[in-house]
Amino acid sequence: MKKFIIAAALLLSTGVTAYSLSTKSDNTSAPVNTKQEINNLKVNATAASPKSDIATAD
């Protein structure tokens, strides 16, 4: 009985997976603009510079 339940669950999950993969989805992704992505990833050069408005004991 246990083997029958496992086999039925396996067949059911396989069928659901096959159905979901075979149906057409309209999830079209936008084209990737690499120059825009590179500009978004650039680090601001002034972020690592010392702050002039912070008072130090030196």
PDB file of N, CA and C in Angstrom:
ATOM      1  N   MET A   1       0.824  -1.190   0.000  1.00  0.00           N
ATOM      2  CA  MET A   1       0.000   0.000   0.000  1.00  0.00           C
ATOM      3  C   MET A   1       0.872   1.260   0.000  1.00  0.00           C
ATOM      4  N   LYS A   2       1.963   1.188   0.758  1.00  0.00           N
ATOM      5  CA  LYS A   2       2.861   2.332   0.851  1.00  0.00           C
ATOM      6  C   LYS A   2       3.504   2.626  -0.508  1.00  0.00           C
ATOM      7  N   LYS A   3       3.882   1.578  -1.227  1.00  0.00           N
ATOM      8  CA  LYS A   3       4.498   1.753  -2.541  1.00  0.00           C
ATOM      9  C   LYS A   3       3.497   2.343  -3.538  1.00  0.00           C
ATOM     10  N   PHE A   4       2.237   1.943  -3.412  1.00  0.00           N
ATOM     11  CA  PHE A   4       1.202   2.466  -4.302  1.00  0.00           C
ATOM     12  C   PHE A   4       1.007   3.970  -4.089  1.00  0.00           C
ATOM     13  N   ILE A   5       1.019   4.412  -2.851  1.00  0.00           N
ATOM     14  CA  ILE A   5       0.840   5.838  -2.529  1.00  0.00           C
ATOM     15  C   ILE A   5       2.027   6.643  -3.055  1.00  0.00           C
ATOM     16  N   ILE A   6       3.226   6.126  -2.884  1.00  0.00           N
ATOM     17  CA  ILE A   6       4.427   6.810  -3.364  1.00  0.00           C
ATOM     18  C   ILE A   6       4.418   6.892  -4.886  1.00  0.00           C
ATOM     19  N   ALA A   7       4.014   5.794  -5.556  1.00  0.00           N
ATOM     20  CA  ALA A   7       3.966   5.785  -7.021  1.00  0.00           C
ATOM     21  C   ALA A   7       2.911   6.763  -7.531  1.00  0.00           C
ATOM     22  N   ALA A   8       1.762   6.822  -6.863  1.00  0.00           N
ATOM     23  CA  ALA A   8       0.705   7.748  -7.270  1.00  0.00           C
ATOM     24  C   ALA A   8       1.150   9.195  -7.074  1.00  0.00           C
ATOM     25  N   ALA A   9       1.819   9.490  -5.984  1.00  0.00           N
ATOM     26  CA  ALA A   9       2.305  10.845  -5.740  1.00  0.00           C
ATOM     27  C   ALA A   9       3.357  11.236  -6.762  1.00  0.00           C
ATOM     28  N   LEU A  10       4.208  10.296  -7.121  1.00  0.00           N
ATOM     29  CA  LEU A  10       5.238  10.558  -8.118  1.00  0.00           C
ATOM     30  C   LEU A  10       4.621  10.833  -9.489  1.00  0.00           C
ATOM     31  N   LEU A  11       3.639  10.031  -9.880  1.00  0.00           N
ATOM     32  CA  LEU A  11       2.972  10.245 -11.156  1.00  0.00           C
ATOM     33  C   LEU A  11       2.202  11.565 -11.174  1.00  0.00           C
ATOM     34  N   LEU A  12       1.561  11.884 -10.076  1.00  0.00           N
ATOM     35  CA  LEU A  12       0.809  13.133  -9.998  1.00  0.00           C
ATOM     36  C   LEU A  12       1.732  14.344 -10.085  1.00  0.00           C
ATOM     37  N   SER A  13       2.839  14.308  -9.357  1.00  0.00           N
ATOM     38  CA  SER A  13       3.766  15.437  -9.404  1.00  0.00           C
ATOM     39  C   SER A  13       4.438  15.551 -10.770  1.00  0.00           C
ATOM     40  N   THR A  14       4.724  14.427 -11.414  1.00  0.00           N
ATOM     41  CA  THR A  14       5.299  14.453 -12.754  1.00  0.00           C
ATOM     42  C   THR A  14       4.316  15.045 -13.753  1.00  0.00           C
ATOM     43  N   GLY A  15       3.049  14.674 -13.635  1.00  0.00           N
ATOM     44  CA  GLY A  15       2.028  15.210 -14.525  1.00  0.00           C
ATOM     45  C   GLY A  15       1.832  16.706 -14.353  1.00  0.00           C
ATOM     46  N   VAL A  16       1.826  17.163 -13.117  1.00  0.00           N
ATOM     47  CA  VAL A  16       1.668  18.603 -12.857  1.00  0.00           C
ATOM     48  C   VAL A  16       2.871  19.369 -13.395  1.00  0.00           C
ATOM     49  N   THR A  17       4.060  18.828 -13.203  1.00  0.00           N
ATOM     50  CA  THR A  17       5.262  19.483 -13.711  1.00  0.00           C
ATOM     51  C   THR A  17       5.262  19.536 -15.234  1.00  0.00           C
ATOM     52  N   ALA A  18       4.884  18.452 -15.879  1.00  0.00           N
ATOM     53  CA  ALA A  18       4.844  18.426 -17.339  1.00  0.00           C
ATOM     54  C   ALA A  18       3.810  19.405 -17.875  1.00  0.00           C
ATOM     55  N   TYR A  19       2.673  19.482 -17.225  1.00  0.00           N
ATOM     56  CA  TYR A  19       1.635  20.418 -17.660  1.00  0.00           C
ATOM     57  C   TYR A  19       2.089  21.866 -17.500  1.00  0.00           C
ATOM     58  N   SER A  20       2.718  22.184 -16.371  1.00  0.00           N
ATOM     59  CA  SER A  20       3.141  23.565 -16.141  1.00  0.00           C
ATOM     60  C   SER A  20       4.277  23.968 -17.076  1.00  0.00           C
ATOM     61  N   LEU A  21       5.119  23.019 -17.471  1.00  0.00           N
ATOM     62  CA  LEU A  21       6.203  23.337 -18.393  1.00  0.00           C
ATOM     63  C   LEU A  21       5.725  23.431 -19.837  1.00  0.00           C
ATOM     64  N   SER A  22       4.645  22.724 -20.158  1.00  0.00           N
ATOM     65  CA  SER A  22       4.178  22.728 -21.533  1.00  0.00           C
ATOM     66  C   SER A  22       3.245  23.887 -21.844  1.00  0.00           C
ATOM     67  N   THR A  23       2.618  24.467 -20.836  1.00  0.00           N
ATOM     68  CA  THR A  23       1.731  25.600 -21.099  1.00  0.00           C
ATOM     69  C   THR A  23       2.573  26.836 -21.379  1.00  0.00           C
ATOM     70  N   LYS A  24       2.081  27.655 -22.301  1.00  0.00           N
ATOM     71  CA  LYS A  24       2.833  28.849 -22.696  1.00  0.00           C
ATOM     72  C   LYS A  24       2.608  29.941 -21.662  1.00  0.00           C
ATOM     73  N   SER A  25       3.678  30.532 -21.209  1.00  0.00           N
ATOM     74  CA  SER A  25       3.571  31.645 -20.281  1.00  0.00           C
ATOM     75  C   SER A  25       3.919  32.927 -21.014  1.00  0.00           C
ATOM     76  N   ASP A  26       3.222  33.977 -20.696  1.00  0.00           N
ATOM     77  CA  ASP A  26       3.446  35.266 -21.342  1.00  0.00           C
ATOM     78  C   ASP A  26       4.375  36.155 -20.525  1.00  0.00           C
ATOM     79  N   ASN A  27       5.273  35.547 -19.802  1.00  0.00           N
ATOM     80  CA  ASN A  27       6.213  36.306 -18.988  1.00  0.00           C
ATOM     81  C   ASN A  27       7.426  36.666 -19.832  1.00  0.00           C
ATOM     82  N   THR A  28       7.290  37.698 -20.636  1.00  0.00           N
ATOM     83  CA  THR A  28       8.410  38.126 -21.467  1.00  0.00           C
ATOM     84  C   THR A  28       9.242  39.107 -20.673  1.00  0.00           C
ATOM     85  N   SER A  29      10.523  38.860 -20.639  1.00  0.00           N
ATOM     86  CA  SER A  29      11.407  39.745 -19.896  1.00  0.00           C
ATOM     87  C   SER A  29      11.874  40.873 -20.800  1.00  0.00           C
ATOM     88  N   ALA A  30      12.132  42.003 -20.187  1.00  0.00           N
ATOM     89  CA  ALA A  30      12.601  43.159 -20.933  1.00  0.00           C
ATOM     90  C   ALA A  30      14.038  42.912 -21.380  1.00  0.00           C
ATOM     91  N   PRO A  31      14.429  43.417 -22.544  1.00  0.00           N
ATOM     92  CA  PRO A  31      15.815  43.238 -22.978  1.00  0.00           C
ATOM     93  C   PRO A  31      16.779  43.959 -22.033  1.00  0.00           C
ATOM     94  N   VAL A  32      17.900  43.332 -21.790  1.00  0.00           N
ATOM     95  CA  VAL A  32      18.875  43.867 -20.849  1.00  0.00           C
ATOM     96  C   VAL A  32      19.807  44.819 -21.576  1.00  0.00           C
ATOM     97  N   ASN A  33      19.912  46.022 -21.075  1.00  0.00           N
ATOM     98  CA  ASN A  33      20.837  47.000 -21.615  1.00  0.00           C
ATOM     99  C   ASN A  33      22.099  46.942 -20.765  1.00  0.00           C
ATOM    100  N   THR A  34      23.192  46.394 -21.328  1.00  0.00           N
ATOM    101  CA  THR A  34      24.389  46.171 -20.524  1.00  0.00           C
ATOM    102  C   THR A  34      25.057  47.464 -20.097  1.00  0.00           C
ATOM    103  N   LYS A  35      25.004  48.486 -20.931  1.00  0.00           N
ATOM    104  CA  LYS A  35      25.623  49.754 -20.536  1.00  0.00           C
ATOM    105  C   LYS A  35      24.904  50.355 -19.338  1.00  0.00           C
ATOM    106  N   GLN A  36      23.600  50.242 -19.331  1.00  0.00           N
ATOM    107  CA  GLN A  36      22.836  50.771 -18.201  1.00  0.00           C
ATOM    108  C   GLN A  36      23.129  49.959 -16.945  1.00  0.00           C
ATOM    109  N   GLU A  37      23.255  48.650 -17.070  1.00  0.00           N
ATOM    110  CA  GLU A  37      23.558  47.806 -15.929  1.00  0.00           C
ATOM    111  C   GLU A  37      24.949  48.122 -15.377  1.00  0.00           C
ATOM    112  N   ILE A  38      25.922  48.359 -16.253  1.00  0.00           N
ATOM    113  CA  ILE A  38      27.275  48.682 -15.809  1.00  0.00           C
ATOM    114  C   ILE A  38      27.276  50.016 -15.074  1.00  0.00           C
ATOM    115  N   ASN A  39      26.535  50.992 -15.587  1.00  0.00           N
ATOM    116  CA  ASN A  39      26.468  52.286 -14.916  1.00  0.00           C
ATOM    117  C   ASN A  39      25.810  52.170 -13.556  1.00  0.00           C
ATOM    118  N   ASN A  40      24.864  51.272 -13.399  1.00  0.00           N
ATOM    119  CA  ASN A  40      24.217  51.085 -12.110  1.00  0.00           C
ATOM    120  C   ASN A  40      25.133  50.400 -11.111  1.00  0.00           C
ATOM    121  N   LEU A  41      26.117  49.645 -11.597  1.00  0.00           N
ATOM    122  CA  LEU A  41      27.008  48.914 -10.706  1.00  0.00           C
ATOM    123  C   LEU A  41      28.258  49.699 -10.318  1.00  0.00           C
ATOM    124  N   LYS A  42      28.505  50.819 -10.977  1.00  0.00           N
ATOM    125  CA  LYS A  42      29.716  51.579 -10.668  1.00  0.00           C
ATOM    126  C   LYS A  42      29.648  52.156  -9.260  1.00  0.00           C
ATOM    127  N   VAL A  43      30.794  52.157  -8.596  1.00  0.00           N
ATOM    128  CA  VAL A  43      30.886  52.660  -7.232  1.00  0.00           C
ATOM    129  C   VAL A  43      31.245  54.135  -7.286  1.00  0.00           C
ATOM    130  N   ASN A  44      30.588  54.899  -6.444  1.00  0.00           N
ATOM    131  CA  ASN A  44      30.877  56.325  -6.366  1.00  0.00           C
ATOM    132  C   ASN A  44      32.288  56.502  -5.800  1.00  0.00           C
ATOM    133  N   ALA A  45      33.155  57.194  -6.518  1.00  0.00           N
ATOM    134  CA  ALA A  45      34.560  57.338  -6.109  1.00  0.00           C
ATOM    135  C   ALA A  45      34.704  58.180  -4.852  1.00  0.00           C
ATOM    136  N   THR A  46      33.775  59.077  -4.599  1.00  0.00           N
ATOM    137  CA  THR A  46      33.889  59.934  -3.421  1.00  0.00           C
ATOM    138  C   THR A  46      33.389  59.252  -2.157  1.00  0.00           C
ATOM    139  N   ALA A  47      32.836  58.072  -2.258  1.00  0.00           N
ATOM    140  CA  ALA A  47      32.302  57.388  -1.085  1.00  0.00           C
ATOM    141  C   ALA A  47      33.419  56.958  -0.135  1.00  0.00           C
ATOM    142  N   ALA A  48      34.617  56.662  -0.657  1.00  0.00           N
ATOM    143  CA  ALA A  48      35.707  56.206   0.192  1.00  0.00           C
ATOM    144  C   ALA A  48      36.636  57.339   0.607  1.00  0.00           C
ATOM    145  N   SER A  49      36.396  58.535   0.141  1.00  0.00           N
ATOM    146  CA  SER A  49      37.284  59.647   0.479  1.00  0.00           C
ATOM    147  C   SER A  49      36.982  60.138   1.891  1.00  0.00           C
ATOM    148  N   PRO A  50      37.966  60.755   2.533  1.00  0.00           N
ATOM    149  CA  PRO A  50      37.745  61.264   3.903  1.00  0.00           C
ATOM    150  C   PRO A  50      36.713  62.407   3.886  1.00  0.00           C
ATOM    151  N   LYS A  51      35.981  62.469   4.936  1.00  0.00           N
ATOM    152  CA  LYS A  51      34.957  63.502   5.049  1.00  0.00           C
ATOM    153  C   LYS A  51      35.589  64.777   5.598  1.00  0.00           C
ATOM    154  N   SER A  52      35.335  65.874   4.907  1.00  0.00           N
ATOM    155  CA  SER A  52      35.935  67.143   5.336  1.00  0.00           C
ATOM    156  C   SER A  52      35.159  67.790   6.462  1.00  0.00           C
ATOM    157  N   ASP A  53      33.915  67.399   6.652  1.00  0.00           N
ATOM    158  CA  ASP A  53      33.115  68.049   7.680  1.00  0.00           C
ATOM    159  C   ASP A  53      33.188  67.338   9.044  1.00  0.00           C
ATOM    160  N   ILE A  54      33.938  66.248   9.117  1.00  0.00           N
ATOM    161  CA  ILE A  54      34.074  65.550  10.387  1.00  0.00           C
ATOM    162  C   ILE A  54      35.297  66.097  11.120  1.00  0.00           C
ATOM    163  N   ALA A  55      35.096  66.550  12.331  1.00  0.00           N
ATOM    164  CA  ALA A  55      36.207  67.091  13.133  1.00  0.00           C
ATOM    165  C   ALA A  55      37.026  65.934  13.713  1.00  0.00           C
ATOM    166  N   THR A  56      38.343  66.023  13.559  1.00  0.00           N
ATOM    167  CA  THR A  56      39.219  64.985  14.092  1.00  0.00           C
ATOM    168  C   THR A  56      40.188  65.622  15.081  1.00  0.00           C
ATOM    169  N   ALA A  57      40.787  64.809  15.898  1.00  0.00           N
ATOM    170  CA  ALA A  57      41.720  65.294  16.917  1.00  0.00           C
ATOM    171  C   ALA A  57      43.118  65.483  16.350  1.00  0.00           C
ATOM    172  N   ASP A  58      43.343  65.102  15.114  1.00  0.00           N
ATOM    173  CA  ASP A  58      44.691  65.188  14.555  1.00  0.00           C
ATOM    174  C   ASP A  58      45.048  66.597  14.244  1.00  0.00           C
TER     175      ASP A  58
END
